[in-house]
Amino acid sequence: MSSPTDDAILAVWRNESVRLLAGLARMTHDLDLAEDLAQDALVAALEQWPREGIPRNPGAWLMSIAKRRAIDGFRRDEVLRRKVALLGHELEEGEMPDLAAAVDHIEDDVLRLMFLSCHPALAPDSRTVLTLRLVGGLTTAEIARAYFAKESAVGQRISRAKRTLAEAGASFELPVGAERASRMREVMQTIYLVFNEGYTATAGPSWTRPELCLEGMRLARMLAALAPGDPEAQALQGLLEIQGSRLVARADASGKPVLLEDQDRTRWDQLLLRRGLAAVERATALATSGIPGGSYLVQAMIAACHGRARRAEETDWAEIARLYDLLASGAPGAVIEVNRAVAHGRAFGPEAGLAILAALPDGALAGSHLPSGVRGDLLHRAGRHLEAAAAFAEAASLTTNADERSLLESRATACRNHAVPSDASVSTTSGSGD
């Protein structure tokens, strides 16, 4: 049998690293030490597996090596000598233990790591990079590439986040009761932000960053598996997978953005779409059984309306408008109102959408291109082309994404020529116009 390559070993490592790190963090209560021990285990694997082959249970092998290294380190530190017994009694000589025996309740350990990465003491941008690093298993370089940032800057942000957690005395234990529900929302919000930054990038040359979408979907699936009885966790998975199924269709052969109503729906990823719709059905069933759902469930139901429409003309805009009204009553906000304007404009005519935009408070979403972009779309549909051109031009001046700016400028030009396609749409973050 041929020896495994470094690439094969690294692939196994990546598959096991999150569970390994989660277990080590629970045992040591020290993120930096846990990461060091995990890296030591990887070095040992790279040294031994090419000679001996990949073990039948690589996760247990890595955990055993990491625990040995931890015990060696603790033995060199008199202050931590008591931890030798805590870890040492779990380590038996001879055959490697099963991973389930090496780390009790591995699912709880991964969930602990998610809660820790999304601790309320951290700013939202710090939560996203720390989640990608610790739970997503991405390297600092991979995170930097995904966000078009310098590797050194991302590394510093991760270090500051860890320092903040230490200074805040963040607990490695799972929260319970009301705190658990609150922290679960923070975890879901972080995963949602990771996906959305990939789905419509806030800055940079490209409209999308697929690698962040893929990580967001992977994290959402992980959370849904860890919380099978939570309708919001199931709904988040469904929402992201339905949105993610459209990624390939959102750009043409030259890479230019293609909006929802112009997309070739045969290019949608049918496997992702089916999985997403199934997750929404699970969430709906849980909510129907008496477990309350929330905003992610409503957003997922909106995404499902788009996903079930085989042609743009078959989209049930009246149902989408009803769902946005429901979302606005439970989770009001300016972004929701902008999306509600899109839905009402399609369901009941452009003047209905313009009325919702007109009711936005002064200064709402100041600096954002979304209100003026949606206003331009609604004005065009009302036949007010010159006003629409001005609105699109304003939106183009506000966006920091190069592809989106080009799209908005082309719509402004087309409106001036009275030649904009009647089924075009404006980009929004929650799916009404894609």
Protein backbone atom coordinates (compact mmCIF):
# COMPACT_ATOMS: atom_id res chain seq x y z
CA MET A 1 0.00 0.00 0.00
CA SER A 2 1.38 3.42 -0.97
CA SER A 3 2.21 5.95 1.70
CA PRO A 4 -0.29 8.80 2.18
CA THR A 5 0.77 12.15 0.73
CA ASP A 6 0.99 15.35 2.73
CA ASP A 7 -2.13 16.58 0.90
CA ALA A 8 -4.05 13.47 1.97
CA ILE A 9 -2.89 13.90 5.56
CA LEU A 10 -3.88 17.58 5.54
CA ALA A 11 -7.33 16.66 4.19
CA VAL A 12 -7.86 14.25 7.09
CA TRP A 13 -6.53 16.87 9.49
CA ARG A 14 -8.95 19.48 8.23
CA ASN A 15 -11.84 17.09 8.69
CA GLU A 16 -10.85 16.34 12.31
CA SER A 17 -9.35 19.67 13.41
CA VAL A 18 -12.51 21.44 14.64
CA ARG A 19 -13.56 18.55 16.90
CA LEU A 20 -9.99 18.16 18.12
CA LEU A 21 -9.66 21.87 18.92
CA ALA A 22 -13.08 21.94 20.58
CA GLY A 23 -12.20 19.04 22.87
CA LEU A 24 -8.79 20.47 23.76
CA ALA A 25 -10.26 23.90 24.48
CA ARG A 26 -12.77 22.36 26.89
CA MET A 27 -10.04 20.42 28.68
CA THR A 28 -7.43 23.17 28.93
CA HIS A 29 -9.68 26.26 29.09
CA ASP A 30 -6.98 27.99 27.02
CA LEU A 31 -7.55 28.69 23.31
CA ASP A 32 -3.91 29.42 22.50
CA LEU A 33 -2.74 26.27 24.26
CA ALA A 34 -5.45 24.21 22.54
CA GLU A 35 -4.33 25.51 19.13
CA ASP A 36 -0.68 24.79 19.94
CA LEU A 37 -1.50 21.23 20.99
CA ALA A 38 -3.58 20.67 17.86
CA GLN A 39 -0.69 21.91 15.71
CA ASP A 40 1.70 19.58 17.57
CA ALA A 41 -0.61 16.68 16.72
CA LEU A 42 -0.57 17.70 13.05
CA VAL A 43 3.25 17.82 13.02
CA ALA A 44 3.33 14.34 14.57
CA ALA A 45 0.89 13.08 11.91
CA LEU A 46 3.00 14.53 9.09
CA GLU A 47 6.04 12.77 10.57
CA GLN A 48 4.49 9.36 11.35
CA TRP A 49 1.60 8.74 8.94
CA PRO A 50 3.75 8.64 5.77
CA ARG A 51 5.61 5.67 7.37
CA GLU A 52 2.79 4.00 9.27
CA GLY A 53 -0.28 4.95 7.23
CA ILE A 54 -3.35 6.92 8.33
CA PRO A 55 -4.86 5.29 11.45
CA ARG A 56 -8.27 3.66 11.35
CA ASN A 57 -9.52 6.35 13.74
CA PRO A 58 -7.41 9.44 12.95
CA GLY A 59 -9.38 11.69 15.30
CA ALA A 60 -8.61 9.49 18.30
CA TRP A 61 -4.95 9.28 17.27
CA LEU A 62 -4.65 13.06 17.04
CA MET A 63 -6.42 13.53 20.37
CA SER A 64 -4.15 11.01 22.05
CA ILE A 65 -1.02 12.76 20.75
CA ALA A 66 -2.32 16.18 21.77
CA LYS A 67 -3.16 14.95 25.28
CA ARG A 68 0.32 13.43 25.66
CA ARG A 69 1.87 16.75 24.67
CA ALA A 70 -0.42 18.55 27.13
CA ILE A 71 0.65 16.23 29.95
CA ASP A 72 4.33 16.75 29.08
CA GLY A 73 3.80 20.51 29.19
CA PHE A 74 1.93 20.39 32.48
CA ARG A 75 4.66 18.25 34.02
CA ARG A 76 7.10 21.06 33.29
CA ASP A 77 4.91 23.49 35.17
CA GLU A 78 4.56 22.91 38.91
CA VAL A 79 1.55 25.24 39.10
CA LEU A 80 -0.40 23.06 36.68
CA ARG A 81 0.64 19.70 38.10
CA ARG A 82 -2.91 18.96 39.23
CA LYS A 83 -4.04 19.00 35.60
CA VAL A 84 -1.82 16.00 34.86
CA ALA A 85 -4.15 13.78 36.85
CA LEU A 86 -7.21 15.34 35.22
CA LEU A 87 -5.95 14.50 31.73
CA GLY A 88 -3.75 11.52 32.55
CA HIS A 89 -6.44 9.24 33.95
CA GLU A 90 -8.24 9.47 30.59
CA LEU A 91 -5.19 8.29 28.65
CA GLU A 92 -4.66 4.53 28.61
CA GLU A 93 -1.61 2.75 27.30
CA GLY A 94 -1.95 0.42 24.32
CA GLU A 95 -4.73 0.61 21.75
CA MET A 96 -5.91 4.07 20.77
CA PRO A 97 -9.33 4.86 22.28
CA ASP A 98 -12.33 5.72 20.15
CA LEU A 99 -12.83 9.44 19.62
CA ALA A 100 -16.15 9.24 21.47
CA ALA A 101 -14.26 7.86 24.48
CA ALA A 102 -11.42 10.37 24.13
CA VAL A 103 -13.76 13.34 24.19
CA ASP A 104 -17.13 13.05 25.90
CA HIS A 105 -20.06 14.70 24.11
CA ILE A 106 -18.06 15.93 21.10
CA GLU A 107 -21.13 17.76 19.77
CA ASP A 108 -21.28 19.82 22.95
CA ASP A 109 -17.58 20.63 22.57
CA VAL A 110 -18.07 22.03 19.06
CA LEU A 111 -21.09 24.00 20.25
CA ARG A 112 -18.97 25.37 23.13
CA LEU A 113 -16.44 26.58 20.57
CA MET A 114 -19.20 28.25 18.54
CA PHE A 115 -20.54 30.03 21.63
CA LEU A 116 -17.04 31.11 22.63
CA SER A 117 -16.22 32.45 19.14
CA CYS A 118 -19.45 34.50 19.20
CA HIS A 119 -19.11 35.80 22.77
CA PRO A 120 -20.99 39.09 23.36
CA ALA A 121 -17.75 40.75 24.50
CA LEU A 122 -16.51 40.58 20.88
CA ALA A 123 -17.42 42.98 18.09
CA PRO A 124 -19.30 41.40 15.15
CA ASP A 125 -16.29 41.53 12.81
CA SER A 126 -14.14 39.82 15.44
CA ARG A 127 -16.76 37.11 15.90
CA THR A 128 -16.76 36.32 12.18
CA VAL A 129 -12.98 35.94 11.82
CA LEU A 130 -12.65 33.98 15.08
CA THR A 131 -15.50 31.67 14.04
CA LEU A 132 -13.89 31.07 10.65
CA ARG A 133 -10.55 30.40 12.35
CA LEU A 134 -11.66 28.17 15.22
CA VAL A 135 -14.89 26.56 14.01
CA GLY A 136 -14.46 26.83 10.26
CA GLY A 137 -10.87 25.65 10.45
CA LEU A 138 -9.64 28.26 7.95
CA THR A 139 -6.07 29.48 8.19
CA THR A 140 -5.34 33.16 8.77
CA ALA A 141 -4.16 33.40 5.15
CA GLU A 142 -7.42 31.90 3.85
CA ILE A 143 -9.51 34.33 5.89
CA ALA A 144 -7.40 37.25 4.65
CA ARG A 145 -7.90 36.21 1.02
CA ALA A 146 -11.65 35.83 1.54
CA TYR A 147 -11.95 39.35 2.96
CA PHE A 148 -9.34 40.98 0.69
CA ALA A 149 -7.42 41.93 3.82
CA LYS A 150 -3.77 41.73 4.83
CA GLU A 151 -2.84 38.50 6.58
CA SER A 152 -1.10 40.46 9.33
CA ALA A 153 -4.25 42.52 9.98
CA VAL A 154 -6.43 39.41 10.23
CA GLY A 155 -3.89 37.76 12.52
CA GLN A 156 -3.92 40.80 14.80
CA ARG A 157 -7.72 40.81 14.87
CA ILE A 158 -7.77 37.14 15.89
CA SER A 159 -5.16 37.78 18.60
CA ARG A 160 -7.11 40.77 19.94
CA ALA A 161 -10.29 38.69 20.00
CA LYS A 162 -8.60 35.96 22.05
CA ARG A 163 -7.19 38.58 24.40
CA THR A 164 -10.65 40.13 24.82
CA LEU A 165 -12.10 36.73 25.70
CA ALA A 166 -9.38 36.18 28.30
CA GLU A 167 -9.87 39.62 29.84
CA ALA A 168 -13.65 39.11 29.93
CA GLY A 169 -13.20 35.78 31.71
CA ALA A 170 -15.26 34.07 29.02
CA SER A 171 -16.51 30.69 30.20
CA PHE A 172 -15.87 27.50 28.25
CA GLU A 173 -19.06 26.00 29.66
CA LEU A 174 -22.27 25.81 27.67
CA PRO A 175 -24.74 28.54 28.67
CA VAL A 176 -28.17 27.49 29.87
CA GLY A 177 -31.68 28.93 29.95
CA ALA A 178 -32.26 32.43 28.64
CA GLU A 179 -28.53 33.03 28.18
CA ARG A 180 -28.28 29.99 25.90
CA ALA A 181 -31.14 31.28 23.71
CA SER A 182 -29.54 34.72 23.51
CA ARG A 183 -26.12 33.32 22.67
CA MET A 184 -27.60 30.97 20.08
CA ARG A 185 -28.98 34.03 18.28
CA GLU A 186 -25.50 35.56 18.28
CA VAL A 187 -24.03 32.38 16.78
CA MET A 188 -26.68 32.35 14.05
CA GLN A 189 -26.17 36.05 13.34
CA THR A 190 -22.43 35.50 12.91
CA ILE A 191 -22.96 32.61 10.48
CA TYR A 192 -25.51 34.74 8.60
CA LEU A 193 -23.00 37.62 8.34
CA VAL A 194 -20.29 35.29 7.00
CA PHE A 195 -22.64 34.02 4.29
CA ASN A 196 -24.01 37.46 3.38
CA GLU A 197 -20.53 38.92 2.98
CA GLY A 198 -19.90 36.19 0.45
CA TYR A 199 -23.29 36.47 -1.24
CA THR A 200 -23.06 40.21 -1.91
CA ALA A 201 -19.61 41.48 -0.97
CA THR A 202 -19.62 44.91 0.67
CA ALA A 203 -16.42 45.93 -1.11
CA GLY A 204 -13.86 44.74 -3.61
CA PRO A 205 -13.79 43.91 -7.31
CA SER A 206 -16.19 40.93 -7.28
CA TRP A 207 -19.90 40.84 -6.53
CA THR A 208 -19.63 37.53 -4.67
CA ARG A 209 -17.06 35.66 -2.60
CA PRO A 210 -18.13 32.02 -2.98
CA GLU A 211 -15.64 30.71 -0.42
CA LEU A 212 -17.41 32.66 2.34
CA CYS A 213 -20.80 31.41 1.18
CA LEU A 214 -19.52 27.83 1.32
CA GLU A 215 -18.17 28.34 4.84
CA GLY A 216 -21.41 29.98 5.95
CA MET A 217 -23.44 27.03 4.64
CA ARG A 218 -21.07 24.52 6.25
CA LEU A 219 -21.29 26.28 9.61
CA ALA A 220 -25.09 26.47 9.34
CA ARG A 221 -25.32 22.74 8.62
CA MET A 222 -23.06 22.06 11.60
CA LEU A 223 -25.22 24.19 13.88
CA ALA A 224 -28.43 22.57 12.60
CA ALA A 225 -26.98 19.13 13.32
CA LEU A 226 -26.00 20.24 16.85
CA ALA A 227 -29.44 21.74 17.53
CA PRO A 228 -31.94 19.47 15.72
CA GLY A 229 -34.87 20.67 17.83
CA ASP A 230 -34.31 24.39 17.18
CA PRO A 231 -36.50 25.66 14.32
CA GLU A 232 -34.35 28.76 13.86
CA ALA A 233 -31.17 26.68 13.41
CA GLN A 234 -32.95 24.50 10.84
CA ALA A 235 -34.35 27.59 9.12
CA LEU A 236 -30.92 29.23 8.92
CA GLN A 237 -29.55 26.17 7.15
CA GLY A 238 -32.49 26.24 4.74
CA LEU A 239 -32.18 29.97 4.08
CA LEU A 240 -28.47 29.83 3.28
CA GLU A 241 -28.70 26.69 1.15
CA ILE A 242 -31.57 28.04 -0.93
CA GLN A 243 -29.69 31.31 -1.44
CA GLY A 244 -26.46 29.40 -2.07
CA SER A 245 -28.09 27.26 -4.74
CA ARG A 246 -28.17 30.37 -6.96
CA LEU A 247 -24.49 31.29 -6.68
CA VAL A 248 -23.38 29.98 -10.09
CA ALA A 249 -26.36 31.56 -11.84
CA ARG A 250 -25.69 34.99 -10.32
CA ALA A 251 -22.92 35.75 -12.84
CA ASP A 252 -22.72 35.41 -16.62
CA ALA A 253 -19.85 33.93 -18.62
CA SER A 254 -17.88 37.17 -18.30
CA GLY A 255 -18.45 37.37 -14.54
CA LYS A 256 -20.97 40.21 -14.66
CA PRO A 257 -23.86 40.10 -12.14
CA VAL A 258 -27.13 38.45 -13.18
CA LEU A 259 -30.08 39.39 -10.98
CA LEU A 260 -32.75 36.98 -9.81
CA GLU A 261 -35.38 37.47 -12.49
CA ASP A 262 -32.81 37.26 -15.29
CA GLN A 263 -31.19 34.04 -14.05
CA ASP A 264 -31.22 30.75 -15.93
CA ARG A 265 -32.87 28.68 -13.21
CA THR A 266 -31.61 25.44 -14.72
CA ARG A 267 -28.18 26.53 -13.46
CA TRP A 268 -29.34 26.56 -9.84
CA ASP A 269 -27.72 23.82 -7.75
CA GLN A 270 -30.63 21.41 -7.40
CA LEU A 271 -29.05 19.40 -4.57
CA LEU A 272 -28.54 22.52 -2.46
CA LEU A 273 -32.03 23.71 -3.33
CA ARG A 274 -33.63 20.40 -2.28
CA ARG A 275 -31.64 20.30 0.95
CA GLY A 276 -32.57 23.89 1.72
CA LEU A 277 -36.27 23.32 1.10
CA ALA A 278 -36.15 20.18 3.27
CA ALA A 279 -34.55 22.18 6.10
CA VAL A 280 -37.31 24.80 5.82
CA GLU A 281 -39.91 22.04 6.06
CA ARG A 282 -38.22 20.68 9.20
CA ALA A 283 -38.19 24.16 10.73
CA THR A 284 -41.84 24.72 9.85
CA ALA A 285 -42.82 21.36 11.37
CA LEU A 286 -40.99 22.22 14.60
CA ALA A 287 -42.69 25.61 14.76
CA THR A 288 -46.08 24.03 14.08
CA SER A 289 -45.51 21.56 16.94
CA GLY A 290 -45.27 24.44 19.40
CA ILE A 291 -41.56 25.36 19.40
CA PRO A 292 -41.53 29.06 18.48
CA GLY A 293 -39.71 30.12 15.33
CA GLY A 294 -38.40 33.57 14.56
CA SER A 295 -36.99 35.84 11.89
CA TYR A 296 -34.79 33.20 10.24
CA LEU A 297 -37.82 30.97 9.72
CA VAL A 298 -39.75 33.79 8.02
CA GLN A 299 -36.75 34.70 5.84
CA ALA A 300 -36.34 31.03 4.94
CA MET A 301 -40.00 30.82 3.94
CA ILE A 302 -39.47 33.86 1.68
CA ALA A 303 -36.42 32.19 0.10
CA ALA A 304 -38.48 29.02 -0.37
CA CYS A 305 -41.10 31.01 -2.33
CA HIS A 306 -38.38 32.04 -4.77
CA GLY A 307 -36.86 28.56 -4.80
CA ARG A 308 -40.11 26.81 -5.70
CA ALA A 309 -40.83 29.12 -8.66
CA ARG A 310 -39.59 27.40 -11.82
CA ARG A 311 -39.92 30.66 -13.74
CA ALA A 312 -39.70 34.23 -12.48
CA GLU A 313 -43.28 34.82 -13.59
CA GLU A 314 -44.49 32.09 -11.23
CA THR A 315 -43.14 33.83 -8.11
CA ASP A 316 -45.88 34.30 -5.50
CA TRP A 317 -45.17 37.95 -4.69
CA ALA A 318 -48.38 38.34 -2.70
CA GLU A 319 -47.23 35.60 -0.30
CA ILE A 320 -43.74 37.12 -0.13
CA ALA A 321 -45.28 40.52 0.70
CA ARG A 322 -47.36 38.89 3.46
CA LEU A 323 -44.27 37.24 4.90
CA TYR A 324 -42.34 40.52 4.85
CA ASP A 325 -45.24 42.17 6.70
CA LEU A 326 -44.93 39.39 9.29
CA LEU A 327 -41.16 39.83 9.49
CA ALA A 328 -41.51 43.61 9.90
CA SER A 329 -43.97 43.16 12.77
CA GLY A 330 -41.62 40.84 14.67
CA ALA A 331 -38.19 42.18 13.71
CA PRO A 332 -38.63 45.74 12.45
CA GLY A 333 -35.75 47.51 10.76
CA ALA A 334 -34.82 49.67 7.80
CA VAL A 335 -33.37 46.81 5.71
CA ILE A 336 -36.56 44.80 6.21
CA GLU A 337 -38.61 47.81 5.09
CA VAL A 338 -36.56 48.19 1.92
CA ASN A 339 -37.12 44.54 1.07
CA ARG A 340 -40.79 44.89 1.98
CA ALA A 341 -40.99 47.75 -0.51
CA VAL A 342 -39.65 45.45 -3.24
CA ALA A 343 -42.23 42.76 -2.42
CA HIS A 344 -45.17 45.16 -2.21
CA GLY A 345 -44.05 46.84 -5.42
CA ARG A 346 -44.20 43.50 -7.24
CA ALA A 347 -47.39 42.29 -5.61
CA PHE A 348 -49.47 45.47 -5.61
CA GLY A 349 -47.77 47.85 -8.02
CA PRO A 350 -44.76 50.20 -7.82
CA GLU A 351 -46.63 52.98 -6.03
CA ALA A 352 -47.24 50.62 -3.08
CA GLY A 353 -43.50 49.99 -2.81
CA LEU A 354 -42.64 53.68 -3.16
CA ALA A 355 -45.04 54.49 -0.32
CA ILE A 356 -43.15 52.12 2.00
CA LEU A 357 -39.83 53.74 1.05
CA ALA A 358 -41.29 57.20 1.63
CA ALA A 359 -42.23 56.16 5.17
CA LEU A 360 -38.62 55.33 6.13
CA PRO A 361 -37.31 57.61 8.90
CA ASP A 362 -34.96 60.40 7.84
CA GLY A 363 -31.40 59.14 7.78
CA ALA A 364 -32.39 55.46 7.69
CA LEU A 365 -29.60 53.43 6.04
CA ALA A 366 -27.61 56.63 5.47
CA GLY A 367 -24.69 55.87 3.19
CA SER A 368 -26.24 52.65 1.89
CA HIS A 369 -27.04 52.15 -1.77
CA LEU A 370 -30.07 49.94 -1.05
CA PRO A 371 -32.88 52.53 -0.66
CA SER A 372 -31.94 54.49 -3.77
CA GLY A 373 -31.38 51.29 -5.77
CA VAL A 374 -34.82 49.94 -4.87
CA ARG A 375 -36.36 53.37 -5.48
CA GLY A 376 -34.82 53.38 -8.96
CA ASP A 377 -36.32 49.97 -9.73
CA LEU A 378 -39.78 51.01 -8.53
CA LEU A 379 -39.66 54.33 -10.40
CA HIS A 380 -38.71 52.50 -13.59
CA ARG A 381 -41.65 50.14 -13.17
CA ALA A 382 -43.89 53.19 -12.69
CA GLY A 383 -42.63 54.58 -16.02
CA ARG A 384 -40.75 57.47 -14.37
CA HIS A 385 -37.51 56.77 -16.21
CA LEU A 386 -35.56 59.99 -15.62
CA GLU A 387 -36.24 59.85 -11.88
CA ALA A 388 -35.24 56.19 -11.94
CA ALA A 389 -31.97 57.05 -13.72
CA ALA A 390 -31.13 59.58 -11.01
CA ALA A 391 -31.88 57.06 -8.26
CA PHE A 392 -29.71 54.39 -9.89
CA ALA A 393 -26.88 56.90 -10.33
CA GLU A 394 -27.12 57.81 -6.64
CA ALA A 395 -27.00 54.13 -5.67
CA ALA A 396 -23.95 53.59 -7.90
CA SER A 397 -22.14 56.41 -6.15
CA LEU A 398 -22.79 54.83 -2.75
CA THR A 399 -21.86 51.18 -3.29
CA THR A 400 -18.27 50.11 -2.60
CA ASN A 401 -18.52 46.95 -4.72
CA ALA A 402 -17.13 47.38 -8.24
CA ASP A 403 -19.42 44.85 -9.96
CA GLU A 404 -22.52 46.27 -8.31
CA ARG A 405 -21.49 49.81 -9.22
CA SER A 406 -21.13 48.79 -12.86
CA LEU A 407 -24.56 47.15 -12.79
CA LEU A 408 -26.25 50.22 -11.28
CA GLU A 409 -24.54 52.58 -13.72
CA SER A 410 -25.72 50.47 -16.66
CA ARG A 411 -29.26 50.58 -15.33
CA ALA A 412 -29.06 54.36 -14.98
CA THR A 413 -27.89 54.64 -18.59
CA ALA A 414 -30.60 52.27 -19.81
CA CYS A 415 -33.26 54.26 -17.97
CA ARG A 416 -32.07 57.43 -19.63
CA ASN A 417 -32.54 55.66 -22.94
CA HIS A 418 -35.88 54.18 -21.84
CA ALA A 419 -34.47 50.76 -22.65
CA VAL A 420 -34.01 49.01 -19.31
CA PRO A 421 -35.38 45.38 -19.39
CA SER A 422 -38.74 45.24 -17.65
CA ASP A 423 -37.86 42.18 -15.55
CA ALA A 424 -34.59 43.46 -14.04
CA SER A 425 -34.27 43.82 -10.30
CA VAL A 426 -32.09 45.48 -7.72
CA SER A 427 -29.74 43.61 -5.41
CA THR A 428 -30.84 43.25 -1.79
CA THR A 429 -29.35 41.31 1.06
CA SER A 430 -32.27 39.07 2.01
CA GLY A 431 -33.42 37.67 -1.26
CA SER A 432 -36.35 39.61 -2.68
CA GLY A 433 -34.31 40.94 -5.58
CA ASP A 434 -31.25 38.74 -5.10
